[in-house]
C-alpha atoms as a PDB file:
ATOM      1  CA  MET A   1     123.164  77.133  32.160  1.00  0.00           C
ATOM      2  CA  ALA A   2     124.703  73.952  30.805  1.00  0.00           C
ATOM      3  CA  ARG A   3     123.052  70.574  30.397  1.00  0.00           C
ATOM      4  CA  VAL A   4     125.057  67.927  32.267  1.00  0.00           C
ATOM      5  CA  PHE A   5     124.472  64.226  31.659  1.00  0.00           C
ATOM      6  CA  ILE A   6     126.113  61.895  34.198  1.00  0.00           C
ATOM      7  CA  LEU A   7     126.397  58.215  33.363  1.00  0.00           C
ATOM      8  CA  GLY A   8     126.702  56.321  36.630  1.00  0.00           C
ATOM      9  CA  ALA A   9     124.658  56.980  39.789  1.00  0.00           C
ATOM     10  CA  GLY A  10     127.167  55.562  42.242  1.00  0.00           C
ATOM     11  CA  VAL A  11     128.970  57.693  44.774  1.00  0.00           C
ATOM     12  CA  MET A  12     131.247  59.630  42.392  1.00  0.00           C
ATOM     13  CA  GLY A  13     128.687  60.294  39.648  1.00  0.00           C
ATOM     14  CA  SER A  14     126.079  61.343  42.192  1.00  0.00           C
ATOM     15  CA  ALA A  15     128.539  63.527  44.091  1.00  0.00           C
ATOM     16  CA  LEU A  16     129.346  65.422  40.879  1.00  0.00           C
ATOM     17  CA  ALA A  17     125.630  66.094  40.385  1.00  0.00           C
ATOM     18  CA  VAL A  18     125.643  68.246  43.530  1.00  0.00           C
ATOM     19  CA  PRO A  19     127.931  71.144  42.470  1.00  0.00           C
ATOM     20  CA  ALA A  20     126.586  70.971  38.917  1.00  0.00           C
ATOM     21  CA  ALA A  21     122.989  71.443  40.095  1.00  0.00           C
ATOM     22  CA  ASP A  22     123.968  73.916  42.830  1.00  0.00           C
ATOM     23  CA  ASN A  23     125.542  76.096  40.118  1.00  0.00           C
ATOM     24  CA  GLY A  24     122.316  76.233  38.148  1.00  0.00           C
ATOM     25  CA  HIS A  25     123.002  73.555  35.555  1.00  0.00           C
ATOM     26  CA  GLU A  26     120.381  71.106  34.317  1.00  0.00           C
ATOM     27  CA  VAL A  27     121.532  67.675  35.556  1.00  0.00           C
ATOM     28  CA  THR A  28     120.440  64.221  34.463  1.00  0.00           C
ATOM     29  CA  LEU A  29     121.877  61.362  36.494  1.00  0.00           C
ATOM     30  CA  ALA A  30     121.609  58.013  34.695  1.00  0.00           C
ATOM     31  CA  GLY A  31     122.131  54.852  36.693  1.00  0.00           C
ATOM     32  CA  THR A  32     123.756  51.747  35.253  1.00  0.00           C
ATOM     33  CA  SER A  33     122.158  48.330  35.585  1.00  0.00           C
ATOM     34  CA  LEU A  34     124.152  47.964  38.820  1.00  0.00           C
ATOM     35  CA  ASP A  35     122.609  51.198  40.155  1.00  0.00           C
ATOM     36  CA  SER A  36     118.975  50.038  40.116  1.00  0.00           C
ATOM     37  CA  ALA A  37     118.580  50.234  43.928  1.00  0.00           C
ATOM     38  CA  ILE A  38     120.094  53.718  43.907  1.00  0.00           C
ATOM     39  CA  VAL A  39     117.826  54.901  41.071  1.00  0.00           C
ATOM     40  CA  LYS A  40     114.768  53.482  42.827  1.00  0.00           C
ATOM     41  CA  ALA A  41     115.692  55.214  46.099  1.00  0.00           C
ATOM     42  CA  LEU A  42     116.382  58.549  44.386  1.00  0.00           C
ATOM     43  CA  GLU A  43     113.187  58.465  42.335  1.00  0.00           C
ATOM     44  CA  THR A  44     111.226  58.766  45.570  1.00  0.00           C
ATOM     45  CA  ASP A  45     113.645  60.839  47.693  1.00  0.00           C
ATOM     46  CA  LEU A  46     116.705  62.784  46.445  1.00  0.00           C
ATOM     47  CA  GLY A  47     117.947  62.761  50.039  1.00  0.00           C
ATOM     48  CA  GLY A  48     117.930  58.990  50.110  1.00  0.00           C
ATOM     49  CA  HIS A  49     121.066  58.035  48.171  1.00  0.00           C
ATOM     50  CA  PRO A  50     121.935  54.683  49.766  1.00  0.00           C
ATOM     51  CA  LYS A  51     125.729  55.096  49.402  1.00  0.00           C
ATOM     52  CA  LEU A  52     126.555  58.802  49.156  1.00  0.00           C
ATOM     53  CA  GLY A  53     125.292  59.830  52.568  1.00  0.00           C
ATOM     54  CA  ALA A  54     124.349  63.277  51.269  1.00  0.00           C
ATOM     55  CA  PRO A  55     121.222  64.572  49.547  1.00  0.00           C
ATOM     56  CA  LEU A  56     121.066  65.501  45.878  1.00  0.00           C
ATOM     57  CA  PRO A  57     119.674  68.939  45.028  1.00  0.00           C
ATOM     58  CA  GLN A  58     116.066  69.259  43.921  1.00  0.00           C
ATOM     59  CA  GLY A  59     115.842  69.279  40.155  1.00  0.00           C
ATOM     60  CA  VAL A  60     118.386  66.524  39.510  1.00  0.00           C
ATOM     61  CA  LYS A  61     116.617  64.194  37.100  1.00  0.00           C
ATOM     62  CA  VAL A  62     117.317  60.543  37.929  1.00  0.00           C
ATOM     63  CA  VAL A  63     116.803  57.912  35.218  1.00  0.00           C
ATOM     64  CA  THR A  64     118.138  54.557  34.121  1.00  0.00           C
ATOM     65  CA  ALA A  65     120.796  54.594  31.422  1.00  0.00           C
ATOM     66  CA  ALA A  66     118.655  52.227  29.356  1.00  0.00           C
ATOM     67  CA  SER A  67     115.903  54.868  29.205  1.00  0.00           C
ATOM     68  CA  VAL A  68     118.199  57.554  27.755  1.00  0.00           C
ATOM     69  CA  SER A  69     117.822  58.155  24.028  1.00  0.00           C
ATOM     70  CA  GLU A  70     120.322  59.415  21.482  1.00  0.00           C
ATOM     71  CA  ALA A  71     118.352  62.689  21.373  1.00  0.00           C
ATOM     72  CA  ASP A  72     118.675  63.060  25.170  1.00  0.00           C
ATOM     73  CA  ALA A  73     122.438  62.534  24.996  1.00  0.00           C
ATOM     74  CA  ALA A  74     122.827  64.930  22.056  1.00  0.00           C
ATOM     75  CA  ARG A  75     121.280  67.739  24.154  1.00  0.00           C
ATOM     76  CA  ALA A  76     124.010  67.497  26.808  1.00  0.00           C
ATOM     77  CA  ASP A  77     126.767  70.090  26.816  1.00  0.00           C
ATOM     78  CA  VAL A  78     128.858  67.811  29.026  1.00  0.00           C
ATOM     79  CA  THR A  79     128.672  64.044  29.479  1.00  0.00           C
ATOM     80  CA  VAL A  80     130.354  62.756  32.634  1.00  0.00           C
ATOM     81  CA  ILE A  81     131.363  59.113  32.917  1.00  0.00           C
ATOM     82  CA  GLY A  82     131.149  58.216  36.602  1.00  0.00           C
ATOM     83  CA  VAL A  83     131.529  54.432  36.615  1.00  0.00           C
ATOM     84  CA  SER A  84     134.114  52.264  38.347  1.00  0.00           C
ATOM     85  CA  SER A  85     136.910  50.761  36.282  1.00  0.00           C
ATOM     86  CA  PRO A  86     135.108  47.413  35.690  1.00  0.00           C
ATOM     87  CA  GLY A  87     132.290  49.425  34.043  1.00  0.00           C
ATOM     88  CA  ILE A  88     134.452  51.330  31.572  1.00  0.00           C
ATOM     89  CA  THR A  89     133.714  49.042  28.601  1.00  0.00           C
ATOM     90  CA  TRP A  90     130.000  49.268  29.384  1.00  0.00           C
ATOM     91  CA  ALA A  91     130.311  53.070  29.457  1.00  0.00           C
ATOM     92  CA  ALA A  92     132.056  53.025  26.068  1.00  0.00           C
ATOM     93  CA  ASP A  93     129.215  50.846  24.734  1.00  0.00           C
ATOM     94  CA  GLN A  94     126.683  53.406  26.013  1.00  0.00           C
ATOM     95  CA  LEU A  95     128.556  56.302  24.433  1.00  0.00           C
ATOM     96  CA  GLU A  96     128.673  54.425  21.136  1.00  0.00           C
ATOM     97  CA  ARG A  97     124.901  53.827  21.407  1.00  0.00           C
ATOM     98  CA  LEU A  98     124.076  57.398  22.465  1.00  0.00           C
ATOM     99  CA  GLN A  99     126.488  59.360  20.262  1.00  0.00           C
ATOM    100  CA  PRO A 100     126.826  62.426  22.548  1.00  0.00           C
ATOM    101  CA  LYS A 101     127.911  65.681  20.924  1.00  0.00           C
ATOM    102  CA  GLY A 102     129.342  67.784  23.776  1.00  0.00           C
ATOM    103  CA  MET A 103     132.431  67.560  25.948  1.00  0.00           C
ATOM    104  CA  LEU A 104     133.204  64.292  27.713  1.00  0.00           C
ATOM    105  CA  ALA A 105     134.571  64.131  31.267  1.00  0.00           C
ATOM    106  CA  LEU A 106     135.831  60.947  32.911  1.00  0.00           C
ATOM    107  CA  VAL A 107     136.169  60.400  36.658  1.00  0.00           C
ATOM    108  CA  THR A 108     137.007  56.691  36.520  1.00  0.00           C
ATOM    109  CA  LYS A 109     140.106  56.035  38.591  1.00  0.00           C
ATOM    110  CA  GLY A 110     142.706  53.314  38.298  1.00  0.00           C
ATOM    111  CA  LEU A 111     145.166  51.826  35.862  1.00  0.00           C
ATOM    112  CA  VAL A 112     144.266  49.974  32.696  1.00  0.00           C
ATOM    113  CA  PRO A 113     145.025  46.255  33.094  1.00  0.00           C
ATOM    114  CA  GLY A 114     147.432  44.786  30.576  1.00  0.00           C
ATOM    115  CA  SER A 115     149.025  48.120  29.663  1.00  0.00           C
ATOM    116  CA  ASP A 116     152.529  47.928  28.260  1.00  0.00           C
ATOM    117  CA  ALA A 117     155.621  48.767  30.305  1.00  0.00           C
ATOM    118  CA  VAL A 118     154.205  52.129  31.338  1.00  0.00           C
ATOM    119  CA  PRO A 119     150.763  51.709  32.926  1.00  0.00           C
ATOM    120  CA  LEU A 120     148.048  53.987  31.576  1.00  0.00           C
ATOM    121  CA  THR A 121     145.300  55.658  33.549  1.00  0.00           C
ATOM    122  CA  TYR A 122     141.753  55.383  32.244  1.00  0.00           C
ATOM    123  CA  ALA A 123     141.874  59.094  31.424  1.00  0.00           C
ATOM    124  CA  GLU A 124     144.829  58.379  29.132  1.00  0.00           C
ATOM    125  CA  ALA A 125     143.373  55.255  27.515  1.00  0.00           C
ATOM    126  CA  PHE A 126     139.648  56.067  27.238  1.00  0.00           C
ATOM    127  CA  PRO A 127     139.841  58.609  24.381  1.00  0.00           C
ATOM    128  CA  GLU A 128     141.653  56.048  22.209  1.00  0.00           C
ATOM    129  CA  MET A 129     139.095  53.390  23.143  1.00  0.00           C
ATOM    130  CA  LEU A 130     136.361  55.745  21.945  1.00  0.00           C
ATOM    131  CA  ARG A 131     138.189  56.667  18.740  1.00  0.00           C
ATOM    132  CA  GLY A 132     138.278  52.940  17.966  1.00  0.00           C
ATOM    133  CA  ARG A 133     134.473  53.089  18.139  1.00  0.00           C
ATOM    134  CA  GLY A 134     134.244  56.091  15.842  1.00  0.00           C
ATOM    135  CA  LEU A 135     133.814  58.693  18.607  1.00  0.00           C
ATOM    136  CA  SER A 136     136.044  61.725  18.888  1.00  0.00           C
ATOM    137  CA  LEU A 137     134.919  64.242  21.498  1.00  0.00           C
ATOM    138  CA  PRO A 138     136.557  67.055  23.446  1.00  0.00           C
ATOM    139  CA  PHE A 139     137.773  65.227  26.554  1.00  0.00           C
ATOM    140  CA  VAL A 140     138.890  65.952  30.110  1.00  0.00           C
ATOM    141  CA  GLY A 141     140.011  63.467  32.741  1.00  0.00           C
ATOM    142  CA  ILE A 142     139.192  64.407  36.324  1.00  0.00           C
ATOM    143  CA  GLY A 143     141.672  62.737  38.627  1.00  0.00           C
ATOM    144  CA  GLY A 144     143.555  62.775  41.840  1.00  0.00           C
ATOM    145  CA  PRO A 145     142.977  60.991  45.060  1.00  0.00           C
ATOM    146  CA  CYS A 146     139.478  61.822  46.124  1.00  0.00           C
ATOM    147  CA  ILE A 147     136.636  60.632  48.255  1.00  0.00           C
ATOM    148  CA  ALA A 148     133.314  61.714  46.826  1.00  0.00           C
ATOM    149  CA  ARG A 149     131.551  62.208  50.141  1.00  0.00           C
END
């Protein structure tokens, strides 16, 4: 059993919690400051995700990102970044604060604004952004056209 920490309780982050929990992994889903309504709904009813339209498995722990400590993040075998592209700098700030130790997975889609002649995806640019903050973690970008539901 792995410990999976998902940063972002929107549709994509929450959708990834489902197969992780269904496969017996310990899942913590941490909502951003923009996810407060989602966190509140899920704290009382894992079937009540206001945007996903599907229930989360019992046992998924739902918290706010602000309540996660460095020790909590260090326990995770995998940290998943499930925020939209405008939240990527915030996610990098959280990773710098939390200093996770395990693998990092990114599901943020889109192209990095202001890239040189060849546009970069967030999966291509994010590891370098983190290295600039002193973080170097095993990394995987999860991509492709997808609809979380």
